[in-house]
Amino acid sequence: MVRVRTNVATKRRKNRVLKAAKGYFQQRHKRYAQAKRTRIKAQAYSYRDRKARRSDFRKLWTVRINAACREAGTTYSRFIGGLLKAKVAVDRKMIAELAISSPAAFNRLLKIAQEHMTAVAAPTKKTTAKAKK
């Protein structure tokens, strides 16, 4: 029976891993085993952080919208609540962009939201029989 030799396939596989690990620190780009472990971890971080980036951007948009709302004398939650009641279909990314680049358009959105905002009632104190005594 003829012996199967895997030299070419093994070398190709190792070179592929080492090429992907190019630029890593110290032995992580030189040694195959270390490069392989590091590459697996790097791909896991990459996958996780692609998801986290979406959350980070949404937080940034919220902060920008809130800052613009505060300048106009309202809060973020009332503004968004007013837009939802007015059934305005503009996402937070676009609202944040309008707040920065086109304040006039943002003010129009703010007026629409204010028309549909409900006045927030001040909390009332409940009087009980014990409190009266």
C-alpha atoms as a PDB file:
ATOM      1  CA  MET A   1       0.000   0.000   0.000  1.00  0.00           C
ATOM      2  CA  VAL A   2       1.254   3.474  -0.861  1.00  0.00           C
ATOM      3  CA  ARG A   3       1.893   5.868   2.017  1.00  0.00           C
ATOM      4  CA  VAL A   4      -0.107   9.125   1.993  1.00  0.00           C
ATOM      5  CA  ARG A   5       2.043  12.177   2.533  1.00  0.00           C
ATOM      6  CA  THR A   6       0.358  15.405   3.703  1.00  0.00           C
ATOM      7  CA  ASN A   7       3.316  17.758   3.564  1.00  0.00           C
ATOM      8  CA  VAL A   8       1.799  20.172   1.060  1.00  0.00           C
ATOM      9  CA  ALA A   9      -1.611  20.365   2.754  1.00  0.00           C
ATOM     10  CA  THR A  10      -0.089  20.796   6.217  1.00  0.00           C
ATOM     11  CA  LYS A  11       2.280  23.527   5.082  1.00  0.00           C
ATOM     12  CA  ARG A  12      -0.517  25.332   3.252  1.00  0.00           C
ATOM     13  CA  ARG A  13      -2.766  25.179   6.335  1.00  0.00           C
ATOM     14  CA  LYS A  14      -0.002  26.477   8.622  1.00  0.00           C
ATOM     15  CA  ASN A  15       0.921  29.260   6.225  1.00  0.00           C
ATOM     16  CA  ARG A  16      -2.718  30.333   6.033  1.00  0.00           C
ATOM     17  CA  VAL A  17      -2.882  30.636   9.842  1.00  0.00           C
ATOM     18  CA  LEU A  18       0.456  32.463  10.074  1.00  0.00           C
ATOM     19  CA  LYS A  19      -0.568  34.870   7.344  1.00  0.00           C
ATOM     20  CA  ALA A  20      -3.794  35.648   9.219  1.00  0.00           C
ATOM     21  CA  ALA A  21      -1.757  36.232  12.411  1.00  0.00           C
ATOM     22  CA  LYS A  22       0.530  38.747  10.740  1.00  0.00           C
ATOM     23  CA  GLY A  23       1.077  41.775  12.936  1.00  0.00           C
ATOM     24  CA  TYR A  24       0.428  40.034  16.248  1.00  0.00           C
ATOM     25  CA  PHE A  25       2.831  40.664  19.134  1.00  0.00           C
ATOM     26  CA  GLN A  26       5.971  38.599  19.803  1.00  0.00           C
ATOM     27  CA  GLN A  27       5.577  34.839  19.242  1.00  0.00           C
ATOM     28  CA  ARG A  28       1.901  35.090  18.342  1.00  0.00           C
ATOM     29  CA  HIS A  29       2.766  35.712  14.705  1.00  0.00           C
ATOM     30  CA  LYS A  30       5.738  33.342  14.501  1.00  0.00           C
ATOM     31  CA  ARG A  31       4.709  30.078  16.128  1.00  0.00           C
ATOM     32  CA  TYR A  32       1.913  28.095  14.541  1.00  0.00           C
ATOM     33  CA  ALA A  33       0.287  26.791  17.735  1.00  0.00           C
ATOM     34  CA  GLN A  34       0.339  30.197  19.411  1.00  0.00           C
ATOM     35  CA  ALA A  35      -0.863  31.899  16.233  1.00  0.00           C
ATOM     36  CA  LYS A  36      -3.721  29.421  15.900  1.00  0.00           C
ATOM     37  CA  ARG A  37      -4.922  30.003  19.481  1.00  0.00           C
ATOM     38  CA  THR A  38      -4.616  33.760  19.155  1.00  0.00           C
ATOM     39  CA  ARG A  39      -6.460  33.799  15.847  1.00  0.00           C
ATOM     40  CA  ILE A  40      -9.380  31.813  17.284  1.00  0.00           C
ATOM     41  CA  LYS A  41      -9.644  34.256  20.193  1.00  0.00           C
ATOM     42  CA  ALA A  42      -9.370  37.238  17.848  1.00  0.00           C
ATOM     43  CA  GLN A  43     -12.234  35.945  15.723  1.00  0.00           C
ATOM     44  CA  ALA A  44     -14.370  35.459  18.847  1.00  0.00           C
ATOM     45  CA  TYR A  45     -13.680  39.048  19.947  1.00  0.00           C
ATOM     46  CA  SER A  46     -14.395  40.297  16.453  1.00  0.00           C
ATOM     47  CA  TYR A  47     -17.775  38.558  16.350  1.00  0.00           C
ATOM     48  CA  ARG A  48     -18.717  39.792  19.830  1.00  0.00           C
ATOM     49  CA  ASP A  49     -17.668  43.368  19.153  1.00  0.00           C
ATOM     50  CA  ARG A  50     -19.563  43.611  15.873  1.00  0.00           C
ATOM     51  CA  LYS A  51     -22.692  43.118  17.983  1.00  0.00           C
ATOM     52  CA  ALA A  52     -21.504  45.541  20.686  1.00  0.00           C
ATOM     53  CA  ARG A  53     -20.811  48.269  18.113  1.00  0.00           C
ATOM     54  CA  ARG A  54     -24.530  48.525  17.354  1.00  0.00           C
ATOM     55  CA  SER A  55     -25.271  49.117  21.021  1.00  0.00           C
ATOM     56  CA  ASP A  56     -22.514  51.720  21.290  1.00  0.00           C
ATOM     57  CA  PHE A  57     -23.863  53.678  18.337  1.00  0.00           C
ATOM     58  CA  ARG A  58     -27.406  53.607  19.700  1.00  0.00           C
ATOM     59  CA  LYS A  59     -26.105  55.028  23.006  1.00  0.00           C
ATOM     60  CA  LEU A  60     -24.261  57.767  21.112  1.00  0.00           C
ATOM     61  CA  TRP A  61     -27.395  58.704  19.159  1.00  0.00           C
ATOM     62  CA  THR A  62     -29.419  58.812  22.380  1.00  0.00           C
ATOM     63  CA  VAL A  63     -26.902  61.151  24.021  1.00  0.00           C
ATOM     64  CA  ARG A  64     -26.891  63.467  21.000  1.00  0.00           C
ATOM     65  CA  ILE A  65     -30.687  63.582  20.778  1.00  0.00           C
ATOM     66  CA  ASN A  66     -30.985  64.187  24.524  1.00  0.00           C
ATOM     67  CA  ALA A  67     -28.499  67.080  24.343  1.00  0.00           C
ATOM     68  CA  ALA A  68     -30.456  68.694  21.512  1.00  0.00           C
ATOM     69  CA  CYS A  69     -33.732  68.172  23.369  1.00  0.00           C
ATOM     70  CA  ARG A  70     -32.346  69.707  26.567  1.00  0.00           C
ATOM     71  CA  GLU A  71     -31.313  72.812  24.628  1.00  0.00           C
ATOM     72  CA  ALA A  72     -34.899  73.091  23.414  1.00  0.00           C
ATOM     73  CA  GLY A  73     -36.282  72.691  26.934  1.00  0.00           C
ATOM     74  CA  THR A  74     -37.584  69.134  26.914  1.00  0.00           C
ATOM     75  CA  THR A  75     -36.255  65.672  27.641  1.00  0.00           C
ATOM     76  CA  TYR A  76     -35.318  62.747  25.442  1.00  0.00           C
ATOM     77  CA  SER A  77     -38.069  60.494  26.756  1.00  0.00           C
ATOM     78  CA  ARG A  78     -40.822  63.064  26.218  1.00  0.00           C
ATOM     79  CA  PHE A  79     -39.511  63.799  22.726  1.00  0.00           C
ATOM     80  CA  ILE A  80     -39.418  60.135  21.707  1.00  0.00           C
ATOM     81  CA  GLY A  81     -42.797  59.533  23.347  1.00  0.00           C
ATOM     82  CA  GLY A  82     -44.283  62.435  21.382  1.00  0.00           C
ATOM     83  CA  LEU A  83     -42.840  61.113  18.126  1.00  0.00           C
ATOM     84  CA  LEU A  84     -44.245  57.656  18.815  1.00  0.00           C
ATOM     85  CA  LYS A  85     -47.708  59.102  19.506  1.00  0.00           C
ATOM     86  CA  ALA A  86     -47.456  61.208  16.344  1.00  0.00           C
ATOM     87  CA  LYS A  87     -46.482  58.030  14.456  1.00  0.00           C
ATOM     88  CA  VAL A  88     -43.370  59.632  12.990  1.00  0.00           C
ATOM     89  CA  ALA A  89     -41.198  56.890  11.488  1.00  0.00           C
ATOM     90  CA  VAL A  90     -37.709  58.366  11.800  1.00  0.00           C
ATOM     91  CA  ASP A  91     -35.047  56.268  13.466  1.00  0.00           C
ATOM     92  CA  ARG A  92     -32.670  57.536  16.139  1.00  0.00           C
ATOM     93  CA  LYS A  93     -29.717  57.576  13.769  1.00  0.00           C
ATOM     94  CA  MET A  94     -31.463  60.047  11.465  1.00  0.00           C
ATOM     95  CA  ILE A  95     -32.787  62.151  14.359  1.00  0.00           C
ATOM     96  CA  ALA A  96     -29.258  62.451  15.796  1.00  0.00           C
ATOM     97  CA  GLU A  97     -27.920  63.438  12.375  1.00  0.00           C
ATOM     98  CA  LEU A  98     -30.656  66.078  12.022  1.00  0.00           C
ATOM     99  CA  ALA A  99     -29.867  67.434  15.491  1.00  0.00           C
ATOM    100  CA  ILE A 100     -26.248  68.019  14.453  1.00  0.00           C
ATOM    101  CA  SER A 101     -26.436  68.983  10.781  1.00  0.00           C
ATOM    102  CA  SER A 102     -29.880  70.564  10.437  1.00  0.00           C
ATOM    103  CA  PRO A 103     -31.234  72.146  13.629  1.00  0.00           C
ATOM    104  CA  ALA A 104     -34.193  73.633  11.739  1.00  0.00           C
ATOM    105  CA  ALA A 105     -35.421  70.189  10.697  1.00  0.00           C
ATOM    106  CA  PHE A 106     -34.870  68.900  14.239  1.00  0.00           C
ATOM    107  CA  ASN A 107     -36.935  71.797  15.611  1.00  0.00           C
ATOM    108  CA  ARG A 108     -39.780  70.867  13.253  1.00  0.00           C
ATOM    109  CA  LEU A 109     -39.656  67.320  14.600  1.00  0.00           C
ATOM    110  CA  LEU A 110     -39.608  68.740  18.113  1.00  0.00           C
ATOM    111  CA  LYS A 111     -42.748  70.801  17.422  1.00  0.00           C
ATOM    112  CA  ILE A 112     -44.526  67.717  16.056  1.00  0.00           C
ATOM    113  CA  ALA A 113     -43.534  65.762  19.145  1.00  0.00           C
ATOM    114  CA  GLN A 114     -44.612  68.568  21.501  1.00  0.00           C
ATOM    115  CA  GLU A 115     -48.061  68.663  19.934  1.00  0.00           C
ATOM    116  CA  HIS A 116     -48.501  65.001  20.829  1.00  0.00           C
ATOM    117  CA  MET A 117     -46.779  65.061  24.225  1.00  0.00           C
ATOM    118  CA  THR A 118     -48.950  64.631  27.267  1.00  0.00           C
ATOM    119  CA  ALA A 119     -48.355  66.899  30.198  1.00  0.00           C
ATOM    120  CA  VAL A 120     -46.629  65.036  32.981  1.00  0.00           C
ATOM    121  CA  ALA A 121     -48.634  65.415  36.155  1.00  0.00           C
ATOM    122  CA  ALA A 122     -46.786  66.162  39.360  1.00  0.00           C
ATOM    123  CA  PRO A 123     -46.916  63.334  41.887  1.00  0.00           C
ATOM    124  CA  THR A 124     -49.627  63.821  44.468  1.00  0.00           C
ATOM    125  CA  LYS A 125     -49.341  62.996  48.136  1.00  0.00           C
ATOM    126  CA  LYS A 126     -51.819  60.506  49.455  1.00  0.00           C
ATOM    127  CA  THR A 127     -53.296  61.363  52.793  1.00  0.00           C
ATOM    128  CA  THR A 128     -53.967  58.487  55.101  1.00  0.00           C
ATOM    129  CA  ALA A 129     -55.707  58.248  58.422  1.00  0.00           C
ATOM    130  CA  LYS A 130     -52.342  57.951  60.209  1.00  0.00           C
ATOM    131  CA  ALA A 131     -50.953  61.061  58.517  1.00  0.00           C
ATOM    132  CA  LYS A 132     -53.946  63.168  59.674  1.00  0.00           C
ATOM    133  CA  LYS A 133     -53.409  62.311  63.342  1.00  0.00           C
END
